[in-house]
Protein backbone atom coordinates (compact mmCIF):
# COMPACT_ATOMS: atom_id res chain seq x y z
CA MET A 1 35.25 11.87 77.25
CA LEU A 2 38.42 11.92 75.16
CA GLN A 3 39.38 15.29 73.66
CA ILE A 4 42.27 16.20 71.40
CA LEU A 5 42.64 19.96 70.94
CA ASN A 6 44.41 21.80 68.14
CA VAL A 7 44.70 18.79 65.84
CA VAL A 8 44.83 20.97 62.72
CA SER A 9 45.23 24.70 62.07
CA ASP A 10 44.81 26.07 58.54
CA LYS A 11 44.31 29.67 57.37
CA GLY A 12 43.06 30.71 60.80
CA SER A 13 40.63 27.81 61.23
CA ARG A 14 41.33 25.47 64.13
CA TYR A 15 40.08 21.92 64.62
CA ALA A 16 39.65 19.64 67.62
CA VAL A 17 38.10 16.21 68.09
CA SER A 18 36.14 14.70 70.98
CA GLY A 19 34.21 11.54 71.60
CA ALA A 20 32.82 9.06 74.09
CA PRO A 21 30.89 5.82 74.35
CA VAL A 22 27.14 6.27 73.75
CA HIS A 23 24.28 3.77 73.60
CA SER A 24 21.27 5.92 72.65
CA LYS A 25 20.20 9.23 71.13
CA ALA A 26 19.73 10.46 74.71
CA ASP A 27 23.41 9.64 75.41
CA ILE A 28 24.40 11.59 72.28
CA ASP A 29 22.32 14.58 73.40
CA ALA A 30 23.91 14.41 76.87
CA PHE A 31 27.41 14.21 75.36
CA LEU A 32 26.79 17.23 73.13
CA LYS A 33 25.32 19.19 76.04
CA THR A 34 28.41 18.42 78.15
CA LEU A 35 30.74 19.33 75.28
CA LYS A 36 28.98 22.63 74.65
CA SER A 37 28.93 23.45 78.37
CA ASN A 38 32.58 24.32 77.78
CA LYS A 39 32.41 27.91 76.53
CA LYS A 40 35.18 27.26 74.00
CA PHE A 41 33.14 24.52 72.29
CA ALA A 42 29.86 26.41 72.64
CA LYS A 43 31.41 29.27 70.63
CA ALA A 44 32.75 26.96 67.89
CA THR A 45 31.48 27.48 64.37
CA HIS A 46 30.76 23.77 63.82
CA ASN A 47 30.47 20.68 66.04
CA SER A 48 29.95 17.96 63.40
CA TRP A 49 29.37 14.45 64.73
CA ALA A 50 28.53 10.88 63.81
CA ALA A 51 27.79 7.62 65.61
CA ILE A 52 26.62 4.12 64.81
CA LEU A 53 24.36 2.80 67.56
CA THR A 54 23.66 -0.90 67.88
CA THR A 55 20.00 -0.15 68.60
CA GLU A 56 19.35 2.88 66.36
CA GLY A 57 21.80 2.60 63.47
CA GLN A 58 23.66 5.52 61.92
CA LEU A 59 23.15 9.00 63.33
CA ARG A 60 24.97 12.15 62.24
CA HIS A 61 24.77 15.91 62.09
CA ASP A 62 26.89 18.34 60.02
CA ASP A 63 26.13 21.41 62.17
CA GLY A 64 26.55 23.60 59.08
CA GLU A 65 29.80 21.97 57.85
CA SER A 66 28.22 20.24 54.83
CA GLY A 67 29.51 16.71 54.35
CA ALA A 68 31.64 16.59 57.51
CA ALA A 69 29.45 14.11 59.37
CA ALA A 70 29.44 11.75 56.38
CA ALA A 71 33.26 11.77 56.38
CA ILE A 72 33.31 10.95 60.12
CA LEU A 73 30.68 8.23 59.64
CA ARG A 74 32.65 6.55 56.81
CA MET A 75 35.70 6.29 59.06
CA ILE A 76 33.66 4.94 61.98
CA GLU A 77 32.18 2.30 59.64
CA ARG A 78 35.60 1.26 58.34
CA GLU A 79 36.88 0.96 61.89
CA GLY A 80 33.86 -1.14 62.91
CA LEU A 81 33.27 1.16 65.90
CA THR A 82 29.76 1.05 67.35
CA ASP A 83 28.11 2.79 70.28
CA HIS A 84 30.62 5.65 70.20
CA ILE A 85 30.29 9.29 69.09
CA ILE A 86 33.06 11.24 67.39
CA THR A 87 32.69 15.02 67.14
CA VAL A 88 34.98 17.22 65.04
CA THR A 89 34.90 20.87 66.11
CA ARG A 90 35.92 23.77 63.86
CA TRP A 91 36.50 27.37 64.79
CA TYR A 92 36.25 29.25 61.48
CA GLY A 93 39.21 31.50 60.79
CA GLY A 94 37.73 33.74 58.12
CA THR A 95 39.02 31.95 55.00
CA HIS A 96 37.06 29.28 53.14
CA LEU A 97 39.06 26.04 52.97
CA GLY A 98 37.17 24.35 50.14
CA GLY A 99 37.91 20.63 49.90
CA ASP A 100 40.74 20.88 52.44
CA ARG A 101 38.15 20.93 55.20
CA PHE A 102 37.34 17.26 54.48
CA ARG A 103 41.02 16.37 54.76
CA HIS A 104 41.08 18.13 58.13
CA VAL A 105 37.94 16.33 59.34
CA THR A 106 39.56 13.04 58.30
CA THR A 107 42.83 13.95 60.06
CA CYS A 108 40.95 14.75 63.27
CA THR A 109 38.89 11.57 63.12
CA ARG A 110 42.03 9.48 62.47
CA ALA A 111 43.80 11.14 65.44
CA TYR A 112 40.85 10.23 67.66
CA LEU A 113 40.68 6.63 66.44
CA ASN A 114 44.45 6.25 66.94
CA ALA A 115 44.22 7.63 70.49
CA LEU A 116 41.26 5.34 71.22
CA SER A 117 43.11 2.22 70.07
CA GLY A 118 46.01 3.21 72.27
């Protein structure tokens, strides 16, 4: 599992990004369980994720951060990355970010993709 903590901070909200290779919905469930076994991630406001599986196609979940998973999925598609999950985690800081939250999700996803490609 690759994790990048504190990618973005804005108005009290903090963002991190995590991911790993996955080949099935069961792998995704296991990844999310492992991620949330860390108390810090379990207490996060949102753990939005997306993946494109060779066998099952596109899977995603916003976890209450409407539209976040679609933004992650678009970037995964553009990158041509399959059988890999990317999860953007947000700890809400008390101030609504409006459209900036999508920019932050994109920044986190880009940081992950850059780290993955080395």
